[in-house]
N, C-alpha and C. Protein backbone atom coordinates (compact mmCIF):
# COMPACT_ATOMS: atom_id res chain seq x y z
N MET A 1 108.62 52.20 157.50
CA MET A 1 108.41 50.76 157.67
C MET A 1 106.96 50.41 157.39
N ILE A 2 106.77 49.34 156.63
CA ILE A 2 105.42 48.85 156.34
C ILE A 2 105.34 47.40 156.80
N SER A 3 104.25 47.04 157.45
CA SER A 3 104.06 45.68 157.92
C SER A 3 103.06 44.95 157.02
N LEU A 4 103.45 43.78 156.54
CA LEU A 4 102.60 42.98 155.66
C LEU A 4 102.62 41.53 156.10
N VAL A 5 101.45 40.90 156.05
CA VAL A 5 101.35 39.47 156.31
C VAL A 5 101.31 38.76 154.96
N PHE A 6 102.21 37.80 154.76
CA PHE A 6 102.24 37.03 153.53
C PHE A 6 101.37 35.79 153.73
N ALA A 7 100.31 35.69 152.94
CA ALA A 7 99.32 34.62 153.11
C ALA A 7 99.83 33.30 152.55
N THR A 8 100.74 32.66 153.27
CA THR A 8 101.22 31.35 152.84
C THR A 8 101.59 30.50 154.05
N GLY A 9 101.46 29.20 153.88
CA GLY A 9 101.97 28.26 154.86
C GLY A 9 103.11 27.46 154.27
N ASN A 10 103.49 27.81 153.03
CA ASN A 10 104.54 27.08 152.31
C ASN A 10 105.91 27.66 152.70
N PRO A 11 106.74 26.88 153.41
CA PRO A 11 108.02 27.42 153.88
C PRO A 11 108.97 27.82 152.75
N HIS A 12 108.89 27.13 151.59
CA HIS A 12 109.76 27.49 150.45
C HIS A 12 109.41 28.87 149.92
N LYS A 13 108.09 29.11 149.74
CA LYS A 13 107.65 30.42 149.24
C LYS A 13 107.99 31.52 150.25
N LEU A 14 107.78 31.23 151.53
CA LEU A 14 108.06 32.21 152.57
C LEU A 14 109.54 32.59 152.56
N GLN A 15 110.42 31.59 152.48
CA GLN A 15 111.85 31.86 152.47
C GLN A 15 112.25 32.68 151.25
N GLU A 16 111.67 32.34 150.09
CA GLU A 16 112.00 33.06 148.86
C GLU A 16 111.62 34.54 148.99
N ILE A 17 110.44 34.81 149.54
CA ILE A 17 109.99 36.20 149.69
C ILE A 17 110.78 36.91 150.78
N GLN A 18 111.08 36.22 151.87
CA GLN A 18 111.89 36.85 152.94
C GLN A 18 113.25 37.28 152.40
N ASP A 19 113.85 36.44 151.57
CA ASP A 19 115.16 36.76 151.01
C ASP A 19 115.11 37.97 150.07
N LEU A 20 113.93 38.22 149.48
CA LEU A 20 113.78 39.32 148.53
C LEU A 20 113.34 40.63 149.20
N SER A 21 112.86 40.54 150.44
CA SER A 21 112.23 41.70 151.07
C SER A 21 113.25 42.77 151.44
N PRO A 22 112.95 44.04 151.10
CA PRO A 22 113.81 45.13 151.56
C PRO A 22 113.63 45.33 153.06
N PRO A 23 114.59 45.98 153.71
CA PRO A 23 114.52 46.12 155.17
C PRO A 23 113.34 46.95 155.67
N TRP A 24 112.73 47.75 154.80
CA TRP A 24 111.62 48.59 155.25
C TRP A 24 110.27 47.86 155.19
N ILE A 25 110.27 46.58 154.78
CA ILE A 25 109.05 45.77 154.87
C ILE A 25 109.20 44.79 156.03
N ASN A 26 108.29 44.91 156.99
CA ASN A 26 108.25 43.98 158.11
C ASN A 26 107.30 42.85 157.73
N LEU A 27 107.89 41.70 157.42
CA LEU A 27 107.12 40.58 156.86
C LEU A 27 106.77 39.59 157.96
N SER A 28 105.52 39.15 157.96
CA SER A 28 105.12 38.08 158.89
C SER A 28 104.27 37.08 158.13
N LYS A 29 103.99 35.96 158.78
CA LYS A 29 103.15 34.92 158.18
C LYS A 29 101.90 34.76 159.04
N PRO A 30 100.84 34.14 158.49
CA PRO A 30 99.59 34.00 159.25
C PRO A 30 99.78 33.33 160.61
N ALA A 31 100.67 32.32 160.68
CA ALA A 31 100.88 31.61 161.94
C ALA A 31 101.40 32.54 163.04
N ASP A 32 102.12 33.60 162.64
CA ASP A 32 102.62 34.57 163.63
C ASP A 32 101.47 35.28 164.34
N TRP A 33 100.29 35.26 163.71
CA TRP A 33 99.10 35.90 164.27
C TRP A 33 98.06 34.86 164.69
N ASN A 34 98.56 33.64 164.92
CA ASN A 34 97.70 32.53 165.37
C ASN A 34 96.59 32.18 164.38
N PHE A 35 96.88 32.39 163.08
CA PHE A 35 95.95 31.94 162.05
C PHE A 35 96.54 30.72 161.38
N PHE A 36 95.85 29.60 161.51
CA PHE A 36 96.35 28.35 160.93
C PHE A 36 95.33 27.75 159.96
N GLY A 37 94.29 28.52 159.62
CA GLY A 37 93.23 27.99 158.77
C GLY A 37 93.65 27.89 157.31
N GLU A 38 92.85 27.17 156.55
CA GLU A 38 93.06 27.06 155.11
C GLU A 38 92.47 28.30 154.43
N LEU A 39 93.19 28.83 153.47
CA LEU A 39 92.67 29.96 152.70
C LEU A 39 92.05 29.43 151.41
N PRO A 40 90.93 30.01 150.98
CA PRO A 40 90.22 29.47 149.81
C PRO A 40 91.01 29.64 148.52
N GLU A 41 90.92 28.64 147.65
CA GLU A 41 91.52 28.68 146.31
C GLU A 41 90.55 28.02 145.35
N THR A 42 89.40 28.63 145.17
CA THR A 42 88.38 28.03 144.31
C THR A 42 88.17 28.83 143.03
N GLY A 43 89.05 29.77 142.77
CA GLY A 43 88.92 30.59 141.57
C GLY A 43 89.27 29.81 140.31
N SER A 44 88.86 30.36 139.17
CA SER A 44 89.17 29.72 137.89
C SER A 44 90.40 30.34 137.24
N THR A 45 90.99 31.34 137.90
CA THR A 45 92.22 31.96 137.39
C THR A 45 93.18 32.19 138.55
N LEU A 46 94.45 32.41 138.22
CA LEU A 46 95.44 32.72 139.25
C LEU A 46 95.06 34.01 139.97
N GLU A 47 94.57 34.99 139.21
CA GLU A 47 94.19 36.27 139.81
C GLU A 47 93.09 36.08 140.85
N GLU A 48 92.07 35.29 140.49
CA GLU A 48 90.95 35.07 141.41
C GLU A 48 91.44 34.38 142.69
N ASN A 49 92.31 33.41 142.56
CA ASN A 49 92.81 32.71 143.74
C ASN A 49 93.61 33.63 144.65
N ALA A 50 94.50 34.44 144.06
CA ALA A 50 95.31 35.35 144.86
C ALA A 50 94.42 36.34 145.61
N VAL A 51 93.44 36.90 144.92
CA VAL A 51 92.53 37.86 145.55
C VAL A 51 91.70 37.19 146.64
N GLN A 52 91.23 35.97 146.37
CA GLN A 52 90.45 35.21 147.36
C GLN A 52 91.24 35.03 148.66
N LYS A 53 92.47 34.57 148.52
CA LYS A 53 93.29 34.28 149.70
C LYS A 53 93.58 35.55 150.49
N ALA A 54 93.97 36.61 149.78
CA ALA A 54 94.28 37.86 150.47
C ALA A 54 93.04 38.44 151.15
N THR A 55 91.90 38.39 150.47
CA THR A 55 90.66 38.94 151.02
C THR A 55 90.25 38.21 152.29
N GLU A 56 90.36 36.89 152.28
CA GLU A 56 89.99 36.10 153.47
C GLU A 56 90.93 36.39 154.64
N LEU A 57 92.22 36.46 154.35
CA LEU A 57 93.18 36.74 155.43
C LEU A 57 92.94 38.13 156.01
N TYR A 58 92.68 39.10 155.14
CA TYR A 58 92.41 40.46 155.61
C TYR A 58 91.13 40.49 156.46
N ARG A 59 90.14 39.73 156.03
CA ARG A 59 88.87 39.70 156.77
C ARG A 59 89.09 39.17 158.19
N VAL A 60 89.94 38.14 158.31
CA VAL A 60 90.17 37.51 159.61
C VAL A 60 91.09 38.35 160.49
N LEU A 61 92.20 38.82 159.91
CA LEU A 61 93.22 39.50 160.72
C LEU A 61 93.08 41.02 160.77
N GLN A 62 92.40 41.58 159.76
CA GLN A 62 92.30 43.04 159.65
C GLN A 62 93.69 43.68 159.60
N LYS A 63 94.59 43.03 158.86
CA LYS A 63 95.95 43.55 158.69
C LYS A 63 96.29 43.58 157.20
N ASP A 64 97.06 44.59 156.81
CA ASP A 64 97.53 44.64 155.43
C ASP A 64 98.26 43.34 155.10
N CYS A 65 97.98 42.80 153.93
CA CYS A 65 98.54 41.48 153.61
C CYS A 65 98.63 41.31 152.10
N PHE A 66 99.30 40.24 151.71
CA PHE A 66 99.31 39.89 150.29
C PHE A 66 99.34 38.38 150.15
N ALA A 67 98.79 37.91 149.03
CA ALA A 67 98.77 36.49 148.70
C ALA A 67 99.22 36.34 147.26
N GLU A 68 99.68 35.15 146.92
CA GLU A 68 100.07 34.91 145.53
C GLU A 68 99.51 33.58 145.07
N ASP A 69 99.33 33.47 143.77
CA ASP A 69 99.05 32.18 143.18
C ASP A 69 99.93 32.06 141.95
N THR A 70 100.48 30.87 141.78
CA THR A 70 101.44 30.64 140.70
C THR A 70 100.98 29.47 139.86
N GLY A 71 101.16 29.60 138.56
CA GLY A 71 100.82 28.51 137.67
C GLY A 71 101.92 28.27 136.65
N LEU A 72 102.08 27.01 136.29
CA LEU A 72 102.94 26.63 135.17
C LEU A 72 102.04 26.52 133.95
N GLU A 73 102.33 27.28 132.92
CA GLU A 73 101.49 27.32 131.72
C GLU A 73 102.30 26.78 130.53
N VAL A 74 101.84 25.66 129.99
CA VAL A 74 102.57 24.97 128.91
C VAL A 74 101.84 25.21 127.60
N TYR A 75 102.53 25.80 126.64
CA TYR A 75 101.89 26.23 125.40
C TYR A 75 101.24 25.07 124.64
N ALA A 76 101.93 23.93 124.55
CA ALA A 76 101.40 22.81 123.77
C ALA A 76 100.20 22.15 124.45
N LEU A 77 99.99 22.48 125.73
CA LEU A 77 98.86 21.89 126.48
C LEU A 77 97.78 22.94 126.74
N ASP A 78 97.66 23.90 125.82
CA ASP A 78 96.65 24.96 125.97
C ASP A 78 96.79 25.68 127.30
N MET A 79 98.03 25.93 127.71
CA MET A 79 98.39 26.68 128.92
C MET A 79 98.01 25.95 130.21
N GLN A 80 97.81 24.65 130.10
CA GLN A 80 97.65 23.85 131.32
C GLN A 80 99.05 23.52 131.87
N PRO A 81 99.18 23.18 133.15
CA PRO A 81 98.13 23.02 134.15
C PRO A 81 97.56 24.32 134.71
N GLY A 82 98.26 25.44 134.55
CA GLY A 82 97.70 26.74 134.95
C GLY A 82 97.23 26.77 136.39
N VAL A 83 95.95 27.08 136.56
CA VAL A 83 95.39 27.23 137.91
C VAL A 83 95.38 25.89 138.66
N ASP A 84 95.52 24.78 137.93
CA ASP A 84 95.55 23.46 138.55
C ASP A 84 96.98 22.94 138.79
N THR A 85 97.95 23.84 138.74
CA THR A 85 99.36 23.44 138.81
C THR A 85 99.68 22.56 140.02
N ALA A 86 99.23 22.95 141.20
CA ALA A 86 99.61 22.23 142.42
C ALA A 86 98.97 20.85 142.51
N HIS A 87 97.78 20.71 141.92
CA HIS A 87 97.08 19.42 142.02
C HIS A 87 96.78 18.84 140.64
N PHE A 88 97.75 19.01 139.73
CA PHE A 88 97.60 18.55 138.35
C PHE A 88 97.31 17.05 138.29
N ALA A 89 98.03 16.28 139.11
CA ALA A 89 97.88 14.82 139.08
C ALA A 89 96.91 14.32 140.15
N GLY A 90 96.26 15.25 140.85
CA GLY A 90 95.30 14.83 141.88
C GLY A 90 95.42 15.64 143.15
N PRO A 91 94.51 15.41 144.09
CA PRO A 91 94.45 16.23 145.30
C PRO A 91 95.62 16.07 146.26
N SER A 92 96.45 15.05 146.06
CA SER A 92 97.58 14.84 146.98
C SER A 92 98.66 15.92 146.84
N ARG A 93 98.64 16.67 145.73
CA ARG A 93 99.63 17.72 145.47
C ARG A 93 101.06 17.18 145.48
N ASP A 94 101.23 15.98 144.98
CA ASP A 94 102.54 15.34 144.96
C ASP A 94 103.35 15.86 143.77
N ALA A 95 104.51 16.47 144.07
CA ALA A 95 105.32 17.10 143.03
C ALA A 95 105.81 16.10 141.99
N SER A 96 106.23 14.91 142.42
CA SER A 96 106.73 13.91 141.48
C SER A 96 105.63 13.43 140.55
N GLU A 97 104.44 13.20 141.11
CA GLU A 97 103.31 12.76 140.28
C GLU A 97 102.93 13.85 139.28
N ASN A 98 102.94 15.10 139.72
CA ASN A 98 102.62 16.22 138.83
C ASN A 98 103.62 16.29 137.66
N MET A 99 104.91 16.17 137.99
CA MET A 99 105.94 16.24 136.94
C MET A 99 105.83 15.07 135.97
N ASN A 100 105.59 13.89 136.52
CA ASN A 100 105.47 12.70 135.66
C ASN A 100 104.29 12.83 134.70
N LEU A 101 103.16 13.33 135.21
CA LEU A 101 102.00 13.52 134.34
C LEU A 101 102.30 14.54 133.25
N LEU A 102 102.95 15.62 133.64
CA LEU A 102 103.31 16.66 132.67
C LEU A 102 104.21 16.09 131.57
N LEU A 103 105.23 15.36 131.96
CA LEU A 103 106.17 14.78 130.97
C LEU A 103 105.45 13.78 130.07
N ASN A 104 104.53 13.00 130.64
CA ASN A 104 103.75 12.06 129.83
C ASN A 104 102.88 12.78 128.82
N ARG A 105 102.25 13.87 129.24
CA ARG A 105 101.38 14.64 128.34
C ARG A 105 102.17 15.28 127.20
N LEU A 106 103.45 15.55 127.45
CA LEU A 106 104.27 16.22 126.44
C LEU A 106 105.00 15.24 125.51
N GLU A 107 104.85 13.95 125.75
CA GLU A 107 105.50 12.96 124.87
C GLU A 107 105.02 13.16 123.44
N GLY A 108 105.97 13.24 122.52
CA GLY A 108 105.63 13.43 121.12
C GLY A 108 105.47 14.87 120.70
N HIS A 109 105.51 15.80 121.66
CA HIS A 109 105.41 17.23 121.33
C HIS A 109 106.81 17.81 121.14
N SER A 110 107.01 18.47 120.02
CA SER A 110 108.30 19.14 119.81
C SER A 110 108.30 20.52 120.47
N ASP A 111 107.12 21.10 120.64
CA ASP A 111 107.00 22.41 121.28
C ASP A 111 106.92 22.20 122.79
N ARG A 112 108.03 22.53 123.48
CA ARG A 112 108.07 22.35 124.93
C ARG A 112 108.11 23.70 125.66
N ARG A 113 107.71 24.75 124.94
CA ARG A 113 107.72 26.07 125.57
C ARG A 113 106.72 26.13 126.74
N ALA A 114 107.12 26.83 127.77
CA ALA A 114 106.27 26.96 128.95
C ALA A 114 106.64 28.26 129.67
N ARG A 115 105.80 28.64 130.59
CA ARG A 115 106.14 29.79 131.41
C ARG A 115 105.56 29.60 132.80
N PHE A 116 106.26 30.16 133.77
CA PHE A 116 105.72 30.27 135.12
C PHE A 116 105.14 31.67 135.26
N ARG A 117 103.95 31.75 135.83
CA ARG A 117 103.31 33.06 136.03
C ARG A 117 102.82 33.16 137.47
N THR A 118 103.18 34.25 138.12
CA THR A 118 102.74 34.51 139.49
C THR A 118 101.90 35.78 139.50
N VAL A 119 100.79 35.72 140.21
CA VAL A 119 99.98 36.92 140.46
C VAL A 119 99.94 37.16 141.96
N ILE A 120 100.29 38.36 142.37
CA ILE A 120 100.22 38.77 143.76
C ILE A 120 99.04 39.71 143.94
N ALA A 121 98.24 39.46 144.96
CA ALA A 121 97.16 40.38 145.34
C ALA A 121 97.55 41.00 146.68
N LEU A 122 97.67 42.31 146.68
CA LEU A 122 98.03 43.07 147.88
C LEU A 122 96.79 43.79 148.39
N ILE A 123 96.52 43.68 149.69
CA ILE A 123 95.45 44.47 150.29
C ILE A 123 96.09 45.45 151.25
N LEU A 124 95.95 46.72 150.93
CA LEU A 124 96.55 47.80 151.70
C LEU A 124 95.43 48.77 152.07
N GLY A 125 95.16 48.88 153.37
CA GLY A 125 94.09 49.77 153.81
C GLY A 125 92.74 49.38 153.23
N GLY A 126 92.55 48.10 152.96
CA GLY A 126 91.27 47.61 152.44
C GLY A 126 91.16 47.62 150.92
N ALA A 127 92.11 48.25 150.22
CA ALA A 127 92.07 48.31 148.75
C ALA A 127 92.95 47.21 148.17
N ILE A 128 92.46 46.60 147.07
CA ILE A 128 93.17 45.48 146.44
C ILE A 128 93.97 45.96 145.23
N HIS A 129 95.21 45.52 145.14
CA HIS A 129 96.08 45.83 144.00
C HIS A 129 96.73 44.52 143.56
N THR A 130 96.86 44.30 142.26
CA THR A 130 97.47 43.07 141.78
C THR A 130 98.73 43.34 140.95
N PHE A 131 99.65 42.39 141.01
CA PHE A 131 100.94 42.48 140.32
C PHE A 131 101.27 41.12 139.72
N GLU A 132 101.96 41.13 138.57
CA GLU A 132 102.23 39.89 137.85
C GLU A 132 103.72 39.75 137.57
N GLY A 133 104.19 38.51 137.62
CA GLY A 133 105.56 38.19 137.24
C GLY A 133 105.57 36.96 136.36
N ILE A 134 106.31 37.00 135.26
CA ILE A 134 106.35 35.89 134.31
C ILE A 134 107.81 35.56 133.98
N VAL A 135 108.13 34.28 133.92
CA VAL A 135 109.41 33.85 133.38
C VAL A 135 109.13 32.79 132.32
N GLU A 136 109.62 33.06 131.12
CA GLU A 136 109.45 32.13 130.00
C GLU A 136 110.54 31.06 130.06
N GLY A 137 110.26 29.93 129.45
CA GLY A 137 111.25 28.87 129.41
C GLY A 137 110.74 27.67 128.64
N ARG A 138 111.23 26.50 129.02
CA ARG A 138 110.79 25.27 128.35
C ARG A 138 110.84 24.12 129.34
N ILE A 139 110.14 23.04 128.99
CA ILE A 139 110.10 21.85 129.84
C ILE A 139 111.21 20.89 129.41
N ALA A 140 112.01 20.46 130.36
CA ALA A 140 113.10 19.53 130.10
C ALA A 140 112.55 18.15 129.72
N MET A 141 113.40 17.32 129.15
CA MET A 141 112.97 15.97 128.77
C MET A 141 112.80 15.07 130.00
N MET A 142 113.57 15.38 131.05
CA MET A 142 113.47 14.61 132.29
C MET A 142 113.89 15.51 133.46
N PRO A 143 113.46 15.18 134.67
CA PRO A 143 113.81 16.01 135.83
C PRO A 143 115.31 16.03 136.07
N SER A 144 115.79 17.17 136.58
CA SER A 144 117.21 17.32 136.89
C SER A 144 117.36 18.34 138.02
N GLY A 145 118.23 18.01 138.97
CA GLY A 145 118.54 18.95 140.04
C GLY A 145 117.88 18.59 141.36
N ARG A 146 118.50 19.06 142.43
CA ARG A 146 118.03 18.76 143.78
C ARG A 146 117.44 19.98 144.48
N GLY A 147 117.57 21.14 143.89
CA GLY A 147 117.09 22.35 144.54
C GLY A 147 115.64 22.64 144.21
N GLY A 148 115.17 23.77 144.73
CA GLY A 148 113.83 24.24 144.41
C GLY A 148 112.73 23.34 144.94
N PHE A 149 111.55 23.49 144.34
CA PHE A 149 110.40 22.68 144.74
C PHE A 149 109.40 22.68 143.60
N GLY A 150 108.36 21.88 143.72
CA GLY A 150 107.34 21.83 142.68
C GLY A 150 107.91 21.33 141.36
N TYR A 151 107.68 22.10 140.31
CA TYR A 151 108.11 21.71 138.96
C TYR A 151 109.52 22.19 138.63
N ASP A 152 110.25 22.73 139.59
CA ASP A 152 111.57 23.29 139.31
C ASP A 152 112.51 22.31 138.60
N PRO A 153 112.47 21.00 138.90
CA PRO A 153 113.39 20.08 138.22
C PRO A 153 113.12 19.87 136.73
N VAL A 154 111.96 20.32 136.23
CA VAL A 154 111.69 20.14 134.79
C VAL A 154 111.57 21.46 134.04
N PHE A 155 111.75 22.59 134.73
CA PHE A 155 111.59 23.89 134.05
C PHE A 155 112.94 24.55 133.82
N ILE A 156 113.25 24.79 132.54
CA ILE A 156 114.50 25.47 132.15
C ILE A 156 114.15 26.90 131.74
N PRO A 157 114.58 27.89 132.54
CA PRO A 157 114.24 29.27 132.19
C PRO A 157 114.97 29.75 130.95
N GLU A 158 114.35 30.68 130.26
CA GLU A 158 114.90 31.27 129.04
C GLU A 158 116.31 31.79 129.30
N ALA A 159 117.20 31.58 128.34
CA ALA A 159 118.59 32.04 128.39
C ALA A 159 119.47 31.17 129.29
N TYR A 160 118.92 30.09 129.82
CA TYR A 160 119.70 29.16 130.63
C TYR A 160 119.60 27.75 130.04
N ASP A 161 120.56 26.90 130.41
CA ASP A 161 120.50 25.51 129.94
C ASP A 161 120.35 24.55 131.11
N LYS A 162 120.04 25.08 132.29
CA LYS A 162 119.82 24.27 133.47
C LYS A 162 118.43 24.52 134.01
N THR A 163 117.88 23.53 134.72
CA THR A 163 116.56 23.71 135.32
C THR A 163 116.67 24.61 136.54
N PHE A 164 115.51 25.10 136.97
CA PHE A 164 115.47 25.89 138.21
C PHE A 164 116.08 25.10 139.37
N ALA A 165 115.88 23.78 139.38
CA ALA A 165 116.39 22.95 140.47
C ALA A 165 117.91 22.77 140.41
N ASP A 166 118.50 23.01 139.23
CA ASP A 166 119.95 22.92 139.07
C ASP A 166 120.64 24.25 139.34
N LEU A 167 119.91 25.34 139.20
CA LEU A 167 120.51 26.66 139.37
C LEU A 167 120.67 27.00 140.85
N PRO A 168 121.71 27.76 141.20
CA PRO A 168 121.85 28.21 142.59
C PRO A 168 120.62 29.02 143.01
N ASP A 169 120.28 28.95 144.29
CA ASP A 169 119.09 29.63 144.80
C ASP A 169 119.09 31.11 144.47
N GLU A 170 120.27 31.74 144.57
CA GLU A 170 120.32 33.20 144.34
C GLU A 170 120.05 33.54 142.87
N VAL A 171 120.45 32.65 141.95
CA VAL A 171 120.17 32.87 140.53
C VAL A 171 118.67 32.71 140.27
N LYS A 172 118.10 31.63 140.79
CA LYS A 172 116.66 31.42 140.63
C LYS A 172 115.88 32.60 141.20
N ALA A 173 116.28 33.04 142.40
CA ALA A 173 115.56 34.14 143.05
C ALA A 173 115.63 35.42 142.23
N SER A 174 116.74 35.62 141.51
CA SER A 174 116.90 36.86 140.76
C SER A 174 116.06 36.90 139.49
N ILE A 175 115.65 35.72 138.99
CA ILE A 175 114.91 35.71 137.71
C ILE A 175 113.52 35.10 137.82
N SER A 176 113.15 34.60 139.00
CA SER A 176 111.91 33.83 139.09
C SER A 176 110.67 34.69 138.92
N HIS A 177 109.60 34.03 138.52
CA HIS A 177 108.29 34.64 138.37
C HIS A 177 107.82 35.28 139.68
N ARG A 178 108.06 34.57 140.79
CA ARG A 178 107.62 35.09 142.09
C ARG A 178 108.40 36.35 142.45
N SER A 179 109.71 36.34 142.19
CA SER A 179 110.51 37.52 142.51
C SER A 179 110.11 38.70 141.61
N ARG A 180 109.77 38.44 140.36
CA ARG A 180 109.37 39.52 139.47
C ARG A 180 108.05 40.15 139.92
N ALA A 181 107.11 39.31 140.34
CA ALA A 181 105.84 39.85 140.84
C ALA A 181 106.06 40.62 142.13
N PHE A 182 106.90 40.06 143.01
CA PHE A 182 107.16 40.72 144.30
C PHE A 182 107.88 42.05 144.08
N HIS A 183 108.87 42.07 143.17
CA HIS A 183 109.58 43.33 142.89
C HIS A 183 108.63 44.38 142.30
N ALA A 184 107.68 43.95 141.49
CA ALA A 184 106.69 44.89 140.95
C ALA A 184 105.87 45.50 142.09
N MET A 185 105.50 44.68 143.07
CA MET A 185 104.76 45.19 144.23
C MET A 185 105.63 46.15 145.05
N VAL A 186 106.89 45.78 145.26
CA VAL A 186 107.80 46.62 146.04
C VAL A 186 108.00 47.97 145.36
N ARG A 187 108.19 47.96 144.03
CA ARG A 187 108.36 49.23 143.30
C ARG A 187 107.13 50.12 143.46
N TRP A 188 105.95 49.50 143.38
CA TRP A 188 104.70 50.25 143.54
C TRP A 188 104.61 50.86 144.94
N LEU A 189 104.99 50.07 145.95
CA LEU A 189 104.97 50.58 147.34
C LEU A 189 105.95 51.72 147.53
N GLU A 190 107.12 51.61 146.88
CA GLU A 190 108.12 52.70 146.97
C GLU A 190 107.57 53.97 146.37
N LEU A 191 106.97 53.86 145.18
CA LEU A 191 106.40 55.04 144.53
C LEU A 191 105.27 55.64 145.35
N LYS A 192 104.44 54.78 145.91
CA LYS A 192 103.33 55.24 146.73
C LYS A 192 103.85 55.99 147.95
N GLY A 193 104.92 55.44 148.56
CA GLY A 193 105.52 56.09 149.73
C GLY A 193 106.10 57.45 149.40
N ARG A 194 106.74 57.56 148.22
CA ARG A 194 107.34 58.83 147.82
C ARG A 194 106.29 59.89 147.52
N ASN A 195 105.13 59.43 147.04
CA ASN A 195 104.09 60.38 146.62
C ASN A 195 103.14 60.78 147.75
N GLN A 196 103.37 60.25 148.93
CA GLN A 196 102.47 60.60 150.05
C GLN A 196 102.97 61.84 150.78
């Protein structure tokens, strides 16, 4: 059994990771340890943000932990919004405003290719390890679906004709960028455990 604190206050992300966790990972959140502070996200890349958040949480709690940062990268927009994904339309982090701005920026573009990319930073015994998950796809012409969160209503993953918000949760979880990054971390932990 390994105990890890997931550095998030986002209930959607927490639920997604809890659903993916194998039984040998004891998962907790910062609030379980009476940490309710904001974690820094001032990096210029997803990697920097993930490492920043994990490092700060480890400094405060002195517990093995991991953090993630996720960006939507749109090819026709020079891979924006990227690190600014959550506050693309401003500091309010309003998902509808973010999607509307994205769709406006893509008006007239025939190339609607995009990808979601997640970077996880794991701190285990004070050492930092990073893992990446990517799902390619395209931006829909208009939002569709009631599920998911963030940009899910406008992102159609590769090999599908429905948005993340239209797909059942279990399908999204099986192919999502976050699940791919998390599975990469889990595989690494399994190998590390076998080799000890």
